[in-house]
Amino acid sequence: MLRGLPARTLPQRVVRAATRPLRVLRRRWVAGGAILTYHRVAEPGSSPFGLSVSPNHFEAHLAYLSTRCRVMPLLEMARRLACDDLPPRSVAVTFDDGYVDNLRNARPLLERYEVPGTVFVATGYIGGERAFWWDELATLMLEGAVPAELALPLGDGTRRWPTDTPPARRAAMWAVHGILRDLAPTARESTLDALRRWAGHAPRVDDASRAMTADELRVLVRDDLVDVGGHTVAHAALSALDADARAVEIAAPREVLGRLLARPIEAHAHPYGIDTDDAAELAVRAGYSAACAGGIGSVEAGDDPMRLPRFTVHDCDAGTFRRVVEHHLVD
């Protein structure tokens, strides 16, 4: 109960925040850990959204994890959580989206430090023939000459933003990003079409910023060091979809990746950390044994393996990374 309400009726992040003091005390007797989320391992300037961690910083992170933490595959962590057998200072490393630099830059470092990882793949982007929607948005709005104003038709009318200066363009990009994130895939693509017409071109896909191909995914998982999981088909916010569409977006990656890689796909991560009331049930029904959902924070024995919390790692040096990880190990 929390303020007279059953905890299950409140958002998970509210429950976790309100019960943090109790969990800190409980951690003296109950082992806990953390699930780290990376996106790209590339020079920071490669993403205006702060998704990139430089290879040098990523190596420093792995050096710390390999000597100070108990790093394990995500699925092992989920199994141990389910049976209250999680060792202290347990950490799992994950990557979202399926960028090619996960293979080119991250995997060699994971091998060097013998750190396992899980890459969650948005299967609609496999092949690298189209840019991730947020990367295309940034290219359309930040690069090249554009009109002085953006007038974007949306379901509730036309929205307008000035785009006559670099700061105005960046502010408009962030506003449109928030709108696109919460649209269903078909509506998002329609809005991107309008942006392409406004910008006067459809940007080419940058080889350094694309998704992996099927062959590259096979190289990525050539041994047991790196596993893959689903990340929906279209990188869709589950809350923007109806129940049937949510079921398809969660289930389809398991089938697609399993067929491409000839291996079972046992984990799913919900894009943007957005959970829904039925997401855990849909993931179980699809055949997954673990899912990373909307909570932000540490994990502890007894947590639901279908609603695992994570936290995003940003580009930072070894000292900052150590402080962030240590905070989450006692969160």
Protein backbone atom coordinates (compact mmCIF):
# COMPACT_ATOMS: atom_id res chain seq x y z
CA MET A 1 0.00 0.00 0.00
CA LEU A 2 1.11 3.57 -0.69
CA ARG A 3 -0.98 6.44 0.69
CA GLY A 4 -3.88 4.05 1.00
CA LEU A 5 -3.63 2.74 -2.59
CA PRO A 6 -2.50 -0.72 -3.66
CA ALA A 7 1.00 -0.42 -5.15
CA ARG A 8 -0.03 -2.28 -8.29
CA THR A 9 -2.35 0.60 -9.27
CA LEU A 10 0.52 3.10 -9.39
CA PRO A 11 3.21 3.52 -12.06
CA GLN A 12 6.22 1.36 -11.30
CA ARG A 13 8.58 4.36 -11.18
CA VAL A 14 6.40 5.98 -8.48
CA VAL A 15 6.43 2.84 -6.36
CA ARG A 16 10.20 2.44 -6.72
CA ALA A 17 10.87 6.07 -5.77
CA ALA A 18 8.58 5.96 -2.74
CA THR A 19 10.03 2.69 -1.45
CA ARG A 20 13.68 3.54 -2.08
CA PRO A 21 14.61 4.05 1.61
CA LEU A 22 13.22 0.61 2.45
CA ARG A 23 15.04 -0.95 -0.48
CA VAL A 24 18.35 0.64 0.54
CA LEU A 25 17.99 -0.91 4.00
CA ARG A 26 16.83 -4.21 2.53
CA ARG A 27 19.89 -4.29 0.28
CA ARG A 28 22.01 -5.02 3.35
CA TRP A 29 20.51 -8.50 3.33
CA VAL A 30 19.27 -8.92 -0.27
CA ALA A 31 21.71 -8.97 -3.18
CA GLY A 32 21.11 -6.55 -6.05
CA GLY A 33 22.57 -5.34 -9.28
CA ALA A 34 22.13 -3.13 -12.32
CA ILE A 35 21.34 -3.41 -16.02
CA LEU A 36 23.22 -0.90 -18.16
CA THR A 37 21.82 0.46 -21.43
CA TYR A 38 24.06 1.67 -24.22
CA HIS A 39 23.00 2.63 -27.73
CA ARG A 40 26.05 3.50 -29.80
CA VAL A 41 29.78 3.09 -29.27
CA ALA A 42 31.05 5.90 -31.48
CA GLU A 43 32.44 9.40 -31.12
CA PRO A 44 29.88 11.61 -29.29
CA GLY A 45 29.42 14.00 -32.22
CA SER A 46 27.81 11.18 -34.18
CA SER A 47 24.48 11.65 -32.37
CA PRO A 48 22.74 14.92 -31.46
CA PHE A 49 20.59 12.93 -29.04
CA GLY A 50 23.45 11.89 -26.77
CA LEU A 51 23.23 8.23 -27.74
CA SER A 52 26.95 7.75 -28.37
CA VAL A 53 29.64 6.67 -25.92
CA SER A 54 33.15 7.06 -27.27
CA PRO A 55 35.19 3.87 -27.74
CA ASN A 56 37.82 5.14 -25.27
CA HIS A 57 35.21 5.78 -22.59
CA PHE A 58 33.47 2.48 -23.32
CA GLU A 59 36.76 0.66 -22.83
CA ALA A 60 37.23 2.45 -19.50
CA HIS A 61 33.74 1.38 -18.47
CA LEU A 62 34.50 -2.25 -19.30
CA ALA A 63 37.81 -2.13 -17.45
CA TYR A 64 35.97 -1.04 -14.32
CA LEU A 65 33.13 -3.54 -14.70
CA SER A 66 35.45 -6.48 -15.35
CA THR A 67 37.42 -5.87 -12.15
CA ARG A 68 34.85 -4.46 -9.71
CA CYS A 69 31.54 -6.10 -10.63
CA ARG A 70 30.05 -9.49 -11.33
CA VAL A 71 29.17 -9.10 -15.02
CA MET A 72 26.80 -11.69 -16.44
CA PRO A 73 24.51 -12.15 -19.44
CA LEU A 74 21.12 -10.54 -19.10
CA LEU A 75 19.29 -13.86 -19.29
CA GLU A 76 21.41 -15.27 -16.47
CA MET A 77 20.55 -12.23 -14.37
CA ALA A 78 16.85 -12.73 -15.10
CA ARG A 79 17.00 -16.39 -14.10
CA ARG A 80 18.85 -15.59 -10.88
CA LEU A 81 16.42 -12.81 -10.04
CA ALA A 82 13.50 -15.18 -10.45
CA CYS A 83 14.94 -17.64 -7.92
CA ASP A 84 16.44 -15.14 -5.45
CA ASP A 85 19.97 -16.18 -6.36
CA LEU A 86 21.50 -12.91 -7.57
CA PRO A 87 25.10 -12.33 -6.38
CA PRO A 88 26.07 -8.92 -4.99
CA ARG A 89 27.30 -6.30 -7.48
CA SER A 90 25.77 -8.10 -10.46
CA VAL A 91 25.73 -6.13 -13.72
CA ALA A 92 24.36 -6.87 -17.20
CA VAL A 93 25.35 -4.85 -20.28
CA THR A 94 22.77 -4.17 -22.99
CA PHE A 95 22.58 -2.17 -26.21
CA ASP A 96 19.43 -0.82 -27.85
CA ASP A 97 18.51 -0.51 -31.53
CA GLY A 98 21.12 -2.56 -33.41
CA TYR A 99 23.57 0.05 -34.70
CA VAL A 100 26.45 -1.30 -36.80
CA ASP A 101 29.00 0.19 -34.39
CA ASN A 102 27.85 -2.38 -31.82
CA LEU A 103 29.67 -4.89 -34.06
CA ARG A 104 32.51 -2.70 -35.29
CA ASN A 105 33.43 -0.90 -32.07
CA ALA A 106 31.70 -2.51 -29.09
CA ARG A 107 32.17 -6.21 -29.73
CA PRO A 108 36.01 -6.14 -29.99
CA LEU A 109 36.15 -4.40 -26.61
CA LEU A 110 33.65 -6.81 -25.08
CA GLU A 111 35.92 -9.63 -26.29
CA ARG A 112 39.04 -7.97 -24.85
CA TYR A 113 37.50 -7.66 -21.39
CA GLU A 114 35.40 -10.84 -21.62
CA VAL A 115 32.22 -8.93 -20.85
CA PRO A 116 28.99 -10.44 -22.22
CA GLY A 117 26.35 -8.22 -23.80
CA THR A 118 22.83 -8.28 -25.20
CA VAL A 119 21.88 -6.23 -28.27
CA PHE A 120 18.19 -5.42 -28.67
CA VAL A 121 17.34 -5.13 -32.36
CA ALA A 122 14.49 -3.19 -33.99
CA THR A 123 13.96 -5.69 -36.79
CA GLY A 124 12.30 -3.30 -39.25
CA TYR A 125 15.66 -1.57 -39.68
CA ILE A 126 17.76 -4.69 -40.33
CA GLY A 127 19.70 -4.29 -43.55
CA GLY A 128 20.68 -0.68 -43.04
CA GLU A 129 18.77 0.54 -46.09
CA ARG A 130 16.90 3.13 -44.04
CA ALA A 131 18.10 5.31 -41.21
CA PHE A 132 16.62 5.07 -37.75
CA TRP A 133 13.79 7.59 -37.72
CA TRP A 134 15.41 9.91 -35.17
CA ASP A 135 18.66 10.02 -37.14
CA GLU A 136 16.76 10.90 -40.32
CA LEU A 137 14.89 13.59 -38.38
CA ALA A 138 18.18 15.14 -37.24
CA THR A 139 19.60 15.12 -40.76
CA LEU A 140 16.48 16.67 -42.25
CA MET A 141 16.24 19.45 -39.68
CA LEU A 142 19.86 20.24 -38.85
CA GLU A 143 21.79 19.78 -42.08
CA GLY A 144 21.67 21.80 -45.29
CA ALA A 145 19.46 24.73 -46.24
CA VAL A 146 15.82 24.61 -45.16
CA PRO A 147 12.86 27.04 -45.24
CA ALA A 148 12.69 29.67 -42.49
CA GLU A 149 9.60 28.03 -40.99
CA LEU A 150 8.37 24.49 -40.55
CA ALA A 151 4.62 23.99 -40.93
CA LEU A 152 3.85 20.38 -40.05
CA PRO A 153 0.36 18.90 -40.56
CA LEU A 154 -0.62 16.74 -37.61
CA GLY A 155 -3.81 15.05 -36.54
CA ASP A 156 -4.93 18.01 -34.44
CA GLY A 157 -4.03 20.67 -37.02
CA THR A 158 -0.88 22.30 -38.34
CA ARG A 159 1.98 23.09 -35.96
CA ARG A 160 4.55 25.76 -36.81
CA TRP A 161 8.11 26.39 -35.68
CA PRO A 162 10.71 28.96 -36.78
CA THR A 163 13.74 27.34 -38.41
CA ASP A 164 15.68 30.41 -39.53
CA THR A 165 18.63 30.00 -37.13
CA PRO A 166 20.64 26.99 -35.89
CA PRO A 167 19.21 27.27 -32.33
CA ALA A 168 15.66 27.53 -33.71
CA ARG A 169 16.23 24.48 -35.90
CA ARG A 170 17.52 22.48 -32.96
CA ALA A 171 14.58 23.52 -30.76
CA ALA A 172 12.15 22.59 -33.54
CA MET A 173 13.87 19.23 -33.98
CA TRP A 174 13.44 18.37 -30.32
CA ALA A 175 9.77 19.38 -30.42
CA VAL A 176 9.13 17.23 -33.48
CA HIS A 177 11.10 14.36 -31.95
CA GLY A 178 8.71 14.29 -29.00
CA ILE A 179 5.74 14.22 -31.36
CA LEU A 180 7.12 11.45 -33.59
CA ARG A 181 8.12 9.29 -30.64
CA ASP A 182 4.50 9.05 -29.52
CA LEU A 183 3.02 8.25 -32.94
CA ALA A 184 2.15 4.84 -34.30
CA PRO A 185 4.56 3.74 -37.07
CA THR A 186 2.25 4.58 -40.00
CA ALA A 187 1.51 8.07 -38.68
CA ARG A 188 5.19 8.60 -37.91
CA GLU A 189 6.17 7.66 -41.47
CA SER A 190 3.53 10.00 -42.90
CA THR A 191 4.93 12.85 -40.81
CA LEU A 192 8.47 12.02 -41.93
CA ASP A 193 7.24 12.20 -45.54
CA ALA A 194 6.01 15.72 -44.84
CA LEU A 195 9.40 16.62 -43.40
CA ARG A 196 11.18 15.24 -46.46
CA ARG A 197 9.04 17.43 -48.70
CA TRP A 198 9.74 20.44 -46.48
CA ALA A 199 13.51 19.82 -46.56
CA GLY A 200 13.45 19.07 -50.28
CA HIS A 201 15.27 15.74 -50.08
CA ALA A 202 15.38 12.31 -48.49
CA PRO A 203 18.78 11.94 -46.80
CA ARG A 204 21.01 9.03 -47.69
CA VAL A 205 21.85 6.50 -45.00
CA ASP A 206 25.24 7.07 -43.37
CA ASP A 207 27.21 3.81 -43.28
CA ALA A 208 28.53 4.62 -39.81
CA SER A 209 25.07 5.27 -38.38
CA ARG A 210 23.00 2.51 -39.95
CA ALA A 211 21.54 -0.66 -38.50
CA MET A 212 23.31 -3.98 -38.92
CA THR A 213 22.56 -6.31 -41.80
CA ALA A 214 21.51 -9.92 -41.29
CA ASP A 215 25.05 -11.10 -42.07
CA GLU A 216 26.50 -8.64 -39.57
CA LEU A 217 24.10 -9.85 -36.91
CA ARG A 218 25.32 -13.40 -37.56
CA VAL A 219 28.90 -12.26 -37.01
CA LEU A 220 27.84 -10.42 -33.85
CA VAL A 221 26.45 -13.62 -32.28
CA ARG A 222 29.07 -16.03 -33.62
CA ASP A 223 29.76 -17.25 -30.09
CA ASP A 224 28.12 -16.97 -26.69
CA LEU A 225 29.65 -13.60 -25.78
CA VAL A 226 26.90 -11.49 -27.37
CA ASP A 227 23.22 -12.35 -27.52
CA VAL A 228 20.40 -10.52 -29.28
CA GLY A 229 16.85 -9.71 -28.27
CA GLY A 230 13.81 -8.01 -29.74
CA HIS A 231 13.19 -4.26 -29.67
CA THR A 232 9.89 -4.21 -31.58
CA VAL A 233 9.75 -4.04 -35.38
CA ALA A 234 9.43 -0.30 -36.00
CA HIS A 235 10.92 0.99 -32.73
CA ALA A 236 7.39 1.85 -31.71
CA ALA A 237 6.23 3.28 -28.40
CA LEU A 238 3.93 0.55 -27.09
CA SER A 239 1.63 3.17 -25.56
CA ALA A 240 0.92 4.55 -29.06
CA LEU A 241 -0.47 1.22 -30.29
CA ASP A 242 -3.65 -0.71 -29.75
CA ALA A 243 -3.46 -4.13 -28.09
CA ASP A 244 -3.29 -6.09 -31.34
CA ALA A 245 -0.51 -3.91 -32.73
CA ARG A 246 1.42 -4.17 -29.45
CA ALA A 247 1.22 -7.95 -29.65
CA VAL A 248 2.65 -7.93 -33.18
CA GLU A 249 5.43 -5.46 -32.40
CA ILE A 250 6.55 -7.55 -29.40
CA ALA A 251 6.19 -11.00 -30.94
CA ALA A 252 7.46 -10.45 -34.50
CA PRO A 253 11.14 -9.76 -33.63
CA ARG A 254 11.39 -13.12 -31.87
CA GLU A 255 10.31 -14.90 -35.04
CA VAL A 256 12.39 -12.76 -37.41
CA LEU A 257 15.61 -12.88 -35.40
CA GLY A 258 15.18 -16.54 -34.56
CA ARG A 259 14.87 -17.38 -38.25
CA LEU A 260 17.80 -15.17 -39.31
CA LEU A 261 20.16 -16.36 -36.60
CA ALA A 262 18.94 -19.93 -36.09
CA ARG A 263 18.82 -19.50 -32.33
CA PRO A 264 16.13 -18.89 -29.70
CA ILE A 265 15.39 -15.25 -28.90
CA GLU A 266 14.54 -15.00 -25.22
CA ALA A 267 14.57 -11.31 -24.29
CA HIS A 268 12.78 -8.14 -25.37
CA ALA A 269 13.31 -4.46 -24.52
CA HIS A 270 10.49 -1.97 -24.90
CA PRO A 271 11.54 1.17 -26.82
CA TYR A 272 11.97 4.40 -24.84
CA GLY A 273 11.44 2.41 -21.65
CA ILE A 274 7.68 2.81 -22.17
CA ASP A 275 5.71 0.02 -20.53
CA THR A 276 2.01 -0.81 -20.76
CA ASP A 277 -0.23 -2.82 -18.46
CA ASP A 278 -0.32 -5.75 -20.87
CA ALA A 279 3.30 -5.67 -22.10
CA ALA A 280 4.58 -8.31 -19.68
CA GLU A 281 1.75 -10.69 -20.55
CA LEU A 282 2.29 -10.10 -24.27
CA ALA A 283 6.01 -10.81 -23.91
CA VAL A 284 5.32 -14.05 -22.05
CA ARG A 285 2.76 -15.05 -24.65
CA ALA A 286 5.30 -14.38 -27.41
CA GLY A 287 7.74 -16.79 -25.76
CA TYR A 288 10.24 -14.45 -24.13
CA SER A 289 11.69 -15.30 -20.72
CA ALA A 290 12.84 -11.75 -19.86
CA ALA A 291 11.85 -8.20 -20.77
CA CYS A 292 13.36 -4.81 -19.99
CA ALA A 293 10.48 -2.45 -19.28
CA GLY A 294 9.86 1.06 -18.04
CA GLY A 295 11.50 1.20 -14.64
CA ILE A 296 14.72 3.17 -14.15
CA GLY A 297 17.02 1.97 -11.39
CA SER A 298 18.64 -1.09 -9.89
CA VAL A 299 17.37 -4.64 -9.74
CA GLU A 300 17.10 -6.91 -6.76
CA ALA A 301 16.26 -10.52 -6.05
CA GLY A 302 12.58 -11.18 -6.52
CA ASP A 303 12.03 -8.54 -9.23
CA ASP A 304 9.73 -9.56 -12.07
CA PRO A 305 11.95 -10.81 -14.94
CA MET A 306 9.35 -9.47 -17.39
CA ARG A 307 9.65 -5.91 -16.03
CA LEU A 308 13.36 -5.42 -15.51
CA PRO A 309 14.51 -1.84 -14.85
CA ARG A 310 17.62 -0.42 -16.54
CA PHE A 311 19.50 2.85 -16.69
CA THR A 312 21.09 4.55 -19.69
CA VAL A 313 24.84 5.13 -19.79
CA HIS A 314 25.92 8.42 -21.36
CA ASP A 315 29.37 9.39 -22.59
CA CYS A 316 31.50 9.85 -19.48
CA ASP A 317 34.95 9.13 -18.10
CA ALA A 318 35.85 6.26 -15.80
CA GLY A 319 35.38 8.23 -12.58
CA THR A 320 31.91 9.46 -13.46
CA PHE A 321 30.91 6.01 -14.67
CA ARG A 322 32.08 4.43 -11.42
CA ARG A 323 30.01 6.86 -9.35
CA VAL A 324 26.90 6.25 -11.48
CA VAL A 325 27.22 2.47 -11.27
CA GLU A 326 27.91 2.49 -7.54
CA HIS A 327 24.80 4.64 -7.02
CA HIS A 328 22.64 2.12 -8.86
CA LEU A 329 24.16 -0.85 -7.09
CA VAL A 330 22.75 0.54 -3.83
CA ASP A 331 19.67 2.31 -5.30
